[in-house]
Protein backbone atom coordinates (compact mmCIF):
# COMPACT_ATOMS: atom_id res chain seq x y z
CA UNK A 1 26.10 -1.29 -64.00
CA UNK A 2 29.54 -0.39 -62.65
CA UNK A 3 31.92 1.54 -64.79
CA UNK A 4 34.14 -0.84 -66.77
CA UNK A 5 37.89 -0.62 -67.33
CA UNK A 6 40.42 -2.63 -69.33
CA UNK A 7 43.97 -2.87 -67.95
CA UNK A 8 46.72 -4.42 -70.07
CA UNK A 9 49.90 -5.75 -68.53
CA UNK A 10 47.73 -6.51 -65.50
CA UNK A 11 49.35 -9.70 -64.22
CA UNK A 12 51.99 -7.99 -62.06
CA UNK A 13 53.60 -4.71 -61.03
CA UNK A 14 51.96 -1.41 -61.94
CA UNK A 15 49.27 -3.11 -64.03
CA UNK A 16 48.20 -5.44 -61.22
CA UNK A 17 48.14 -2.58 -58.71
CA UNK A 18 46.14 -0.45 -61.15
CA UNK A 19 43.52 -3.15 -61.71
CA UNK A 20 43.07 -3.55 -57.96
CA UNK A 21 42.86 0.22 -57.40
CA UNK A 22 40.26 0.65 -60.15
CA UNK A 23 38.24 -2.19 -58.63
CA UNK A 24 38.30 -0.46 -55.24
CA UNK A 25 37.14 2.72 -57.01
CA UNK A 26 34.05 0.90 -58.27
CA UNK A 27 35.08 -0.35 -61.71
CA UNK A 28 34.52 -3.81 -63.11
CA UNK A 29 37.98 -4.60 -64.41
CA UNK A 30 39.05 -6.66 -67.40
CA UNK A 31 42.62 -7.86 -66.93
CA UNK A 32 44.81 -8.56 -69.96
CA UNK A 33 48.33 -9.99 -70.19
CA UNK A 34 50.15 -12.93 -71.75
CA UNK A 35 50.72 -14.79 -68.45
CA UNK A 36 47.34 -16.49 -68.13
CA UNK A 37 48.09 -18.18 -64.79
CA UNK A 38 49.21 -14.97 -63.06
CA UNK A 39 46.35 -13.09 -64.67
CA UNK A 40 43.72 -15.54 -63.43
CA UNK A 41 45.22 -15.56 -59.94
CA UNK A 42 45.07 -11.77 -59.70
CA UNK A 43 41.51 -11.67 -61.03
CA UNK A 44 40.56 -14.20 -58.35
CA UNK A 45 42.16 -12.01 -55.68
CA UNK A 46 40.15 -8.98 -56.83
CA UNK A 47 36.95 -11.04 -56.90
CA UNK A 48 37.63 -12.41 -53.41
CA UNK A 49 37.92 -8.83 -52.15
CA UNK A 50 34.42 -8.08 -53.45
CA UNK A 51 35.26 -6.73 -56.88
CA UNK A 52 34.30 -7.81 -60.38
CA UNK A 53 37.22 -9.00 -62.49
CA UNK A 54 37.52 -10.85 -65.78
CA UNK A 55 40.85 -12.29 -66.99
CA UNK A 56 41.36 -12.30 -70.76
CA UNK A 57 44.84 -13.56 -71.80
CA UNK A 58 46.01 -11.21 -74.54
CA UNK A 59 49.13 -10.51 -76.59
CA UNK A 60 48.96 -6.77 -77.33
CA UNK A 61 51.14 -7.19 -80.42
CA UNK A 62 48.38 -9.28 -82.04
CA UNK A 63 45.68 -7.07 -83.56
CA UNK A 64 43.09 -9.84 -83.56
CA UNK A 65 43.79 -10.62 -79.90
CA UNK A 66 43.33 -6.97 -78.92
CA UNK A 67 40.12 -6.77 -80.94
CA UNK A 68 38.85 -9.90 -79.17
CA UNK A 69 39.75 -8.41 -75.78
CA UNK A 70 37.59 -5.36 -76.37
CA UNK A 71 34.79 -7.44 -77.94
CA UNK A 72 34.79 -9.78 -74.92
CA UNK A 73 34.56 -6.77 -72.62
CA UNK A 74 31.57 -5.40 -74.51
CA UNK A 75 29.89 -8.82 -74.65
CA UNK A 76 30.35 -9.33 -70.91
CA UNK A 77 29.58 -5.83 -69.60
CA UNK A 78 28.02 -3.90 -72.47
CA UNK A 79 30.20 -0.83 -72.05
CA UNK A 80 33.75 0.51 -71.75
CA UNK A 81 34.51 3.59 -69.67
CA UNK A 82 38.26 3.46 -69.12
CA UNK A 83 41.34 1.75 -70.52
CA UNK A 84 44.87 1.60 -69.18
CA UNK A 85 47.44 0.60 -71.78
CA UNK A 86 50.23 -0.54 -69.52
CA UNK A 87 51.70 -3.60 -71.27
CA UNK A 88 55.38 -3.25 -72.06
CA UNK A 89 58.13 -5.59 -73.13
CA UNK A 90 60.62 -6.48 -75.79
CA UNK A 91 63.60 -4.24 -76.26
CA UNK A 92 67.20 -4.81 -75.26
CA UNK A 93 69.65 -4.46 -72.40
CA UNK A 94 71.66 -1.19 -72.27
CA UNK A 95 73.50 -1.23 -75.60
CA UNK A 96 75.09 1.51 -77.75
CA UNK A 97 72.73 2.27 -80.63
CA UNK A 98 74.85 0.92 -83.48
CA UNK A 99 75.14 -2.41 -81.66
CA UNK A 100 71.40 -2.86 -81.10
CA UNK A 101 69.97 -5.78 -83.03
CA UNK A 102 67.22 -4.73 -85.44
CA UNK A 103 64.90 -7.41 -84.06
CA UNK A 104 65.38 -6.12 -80.51
CA UNK A 105 64.61 -2.55 -81.53
CA UNK A 106 61.51 -3.70 -83.40
CA UNK A 107 60.31 -5.75 -80.43
CA UNK A 108 60.33 -2.69 -78.16
CA UNK A 109 58.16 -0.75 -80.58
CA UNK A 110 55.86 -3.73 -81.19
CA UNK A 111 54.82 -4.01 -77.55
CA UNK A 112 55.22 -0.57 -76.00
CA UNK A 113 54.13 1.59 -78.96
CA UNK A 114 52.27 -0.44 -81.58
CA UNK A 115 50.52 -2.35 -78.78
CA UNK A 116 49.16 0.92 -77.39
CA UNK A 117 48.04 2.00 -80.86
CA UNK A 118 46.16 -1.29 -81.26
CA UNK A 119 44.61 -0.89 -77.84
CA UNK A 120 43.25 2.57 -78.61
CA UNK A 121 42.18 1.53 -82.12
CA UNK A 122 39.63 -0.86 -80.60
CA UNK A 123 38.99 0.83 -77.24
CA UNK A 124 37.90 4.14 -78.73
CA UNK A 125 35.05 2.74 -80.88
CA UNK A 126 33.80 0.83 -77.82
CA UNK A 127 33.78 4.06 -75.79
CA UNK A 128 31.99 5.88 -78.59
CA UNK A 129 29.39 3.09 -78.63
CA UNK A 130 29.00 3.37 -74.85
CA UNK A 131 27.99 6.98 -75.46
CA UNK A 132 29.22 8.60 -72.26
CA UNK A 133 32.79 9.42 -73.21
CA UNK A 134 35.69 7.72 -71.51
CA UNK A 135 39.25 7.96 -70.32
CA UNK A 136 42.38 6.27 -71.67
CA UNK A 137 45.67 6.26 -69.77
CA UNK A 138 48.82 5.18 -71.59
CA UNK A 139 51.89 4.18 -69.60
CA UNK A 140 54.94 6.08 -70.80
CA UNK A 141 58.04 6.69 -68.67
CA UNK A 142 60.37 9.45 -67.62
CA UNK A 143 62.54 7.96 -70.39
CA UNK A 144 59.87 9.14 -72.82
CA UNK A 145 60.52 12.74 -71.72
CA UNK A 146 64.27 12.56 -71.02
CA UNK A 147 66.36 10.08 -72.96
CA UNK A 148 68.52 7.41 -71.35
CA UNK A 149 71.69 6.34 -73.11
CA UNK A 150 71.85 2.74 -74.26
CA UNK A 151 68.07 2.26 -74.37
CA UNK A 152 67.28 3.22 -77.95
CA UNK A 153 64.29 0.89 -78.27
CA UNK A 154 62.68 1.74 -74.94
CA UNK A 155 63.23 5.50 -75.24
CA UNK A 156 61.88 5.57 -78.79
CA UNK A 157 58.78 3.58 -77.85
CA UNK A 158 58.01 5.65 -74.76
CA UNK A 159 58.67 8.96 -76.55
CA UNK A 160 56.46 7.93 -79.44
CA UNK A 161 53.74 6.97 -76.98
CA UNK A 162 53.61 10.58 -75.74
CA UNK A 163 52.99 11.82 -79.28
CA UNK A 164 50.43 9.10 -79.93
CA UNK A 165 48.61 10.07 -76.73
CA UNK A 166 48.44 13.72 -77.72
CA UNK A 167 47.17 12.87 -81.21
CA UNK A 168 44.39 10.63 -79.88
CA UNK A 169 43.44 13.30 -77.34
CA UNK A 170 43.01 15.86 -80.11
CA UNK A 171 41.07 13.46 -82.32
CA UNK A 172 38.47 12.55 -79.66
CA UNK A 173 38.26 15.45 -77.18
CA UNK A 174 35.00 16.69 -78.70
CA UNK A 175 33.51 13.22 -78.28
CA UNK A 176 34.26 13.28 -74.55
CA UNK A 177 37.09 10.76 -74.65
CA UNK A 178 40.14 11.92 -72.72
CA UNK A 179 43.57 10.45 -73.46
CA UNK A 180 46.50 11.03 -71.13
CA UNK A 181 49.82 9.42 -70.30
CA UNK A 182 51.74 8.76 -67.12
CA UNK A 183 55.53 8.93 -66.93
CA UNK A 184 56.66 6.91 -63.91
CA UNK A 185 60.19 7.27 -62.66
CA UNK A 186 61.96 4.54 -60.68
CA UNK A 187 59.19 2.41 -59.18
CA UNK A 188 59.74 -0.60 -56.91
CA UNK A 189 58.52 -3.29 -59.30
CA UNK A 190 59.89 -6.82 -59.66
CA UNK A 191 62.80 -5.54 -61.79
CA UNK A 192 64.19 -3.33 -59.03
CA UNK A 193 63.30 -5.91 -56.39
CA UNK A 194 65.48 -8.46 -58.20
CA UNK A 195 68.31 -5.91 -58.46
CA UNK A 196 68.72 -5.98 -54.70
CA UNK A 197 68.90 -3.57 -51.80
CA UNK A 198 72.16 -1.88 -52.79
CA UNK A 199 70.89 -0.94 -56.25
CA UNK A 200 67.58 0.25 -54.82
CA UNK A 201 69.35 2.54 -52.34
CA UNK A 202 71.64 3.90 -55.07
CA UNK A 203 68.72 4.73 -57.37
CA UNK A 204 66.69 6.26 -54.53
CA UNK A 205 69.61 8.51 -53.59
CA UNK A 206 69.57 10.10 -57.07
CA UNK A 207 65.97 11.27 -56.71
CA UNK A 208 64.88 14.52 -55.04
CA UNK A 209 62.39 12.52 -52.93
CA UNK A 210 65.27 10.22 -51.85
CA UNK A 211 63.10 7.13 -52.21
CA UNK A 212 61.66 4.84 -54.85
CA UNK A 213 58.06 5.10 -55.93
CA UNK A 214 55.50 2.43 -55.09
CA UNK A 215 53.22 0.73 -57.61
CA UNK A 216 50.16 1.90 -55.66
CA UNK A 217 51.24 5.53 -56.12
CA UNK A 218 51.19 5.10 -59.89
CA UNK A 219 47.87 3.25 -59.64
CA UNK A 220 46.27 6.13 -57.73
CA UNK A 221 47.36 8.56 -60.45
CA UNK A 222 45.62 6.30 -62.98
CA UNK A 223 42.43 6.27 -60.90
CA UNK A 224 42.48 10.08 -60.79
CA UNK A 225 42.97 10.37 -64.56
CA UNK A 226 40.11 7.93 -65.15
CA UNK A 227 37.72 9.72 -62.81
CA UNK A 228 35.58 12.86 -62.91
CA UNK A 229 38.02 14.98 -60.88
CA UNK A 230 40.30 15.17 -63.95
CA UNK A 231 37.49 15.92 -66.40
CA UNK A 232 39.34 18.92 -67.96
CA UNK A 233 42.64 17.07 -68.40
CA UNK A 234 43.46 15.55 -71.78
CA UNK A 235 46.57 15.25 -73.93
CA UNK A 236 48.78 15.53 -70.84
CA UNK A 237 51.73 13.46 -69.70
CA UNK A 238 51.93 13.39 -65.90
CA UNK A 239 55.25 12.47 -64.28
CA UNK A 240 55.07 10.24 -61.20
CA UNK A 241 58.75 10.41 -60.45
CA UNK A 242 59.61 11.88 -57.03
CA UNK A 243 60.85 15.07 -58.71
CA UNK A 244 63.23 13.30 -61.10
CA UNK A 245 62.37 15.45 -64.11
CA UNK A 246 62.30 18.71 -62.14
CA UNK A 247 66.07 18.98 -62.14
CA UNK A 248 69.13 18.37 -59.99
CA UNK A 249 68.36 17.80 -56.29
CA UNK A 250 70.40 19.75 -53.71
CA UNK A 251 73.95 18.55 -53.13
CA UNK A 252 74.38 16.50 -50.00
CA UNK A 253 76.60 18.04 -47.33
């Protein structure tokens, strides 16, 4: 039996690229997201390329839905080796903190923080039952390590996710379950694509690498963290950011 991985937020962007990359690495992948049509289409693409993919529409803010996702995975494949908690959403547009609606703040935490907690709550027992350890990768952000003004909900959720990742790593290291986080910087997903070429060039110019990241570059970092080459890595948050968090790039002459 192939190794088995769950990927949430798998209908597009980093999640879709991650599911495809894990399939190429030999995993049977279970794709979860709210957009059932996009999810099924991507699962079909992976299957057409020779992989094994199962689409399970899931709202990660719903504890019963997350429990059913993991149960369906175990029923279908009998094991769980890796999980990528990538789903994100809710929140608010850039807004000074005192003007943020309570509901908008709560929605950011519900998806990007509580949703990851729910994922691990059910993924970890499945990995323990599998009996061979496992790897969980939680998708944080550079905003979880360096705050961004106006994004109180997003920054709080992504910062909290780093602490949640470390706690889970400590709780289950002895059982062979590794828990790490990734902190992507500006990545060319649909959000930046919609922003247009001028915005993309402006953002790229602020980075030491002078370019935007690609979704496949984040996906390959996930594959590494899920695989045996990172067997001694747990509780870490790995930036994938073109040097963004390293400091100020050289001034342009």
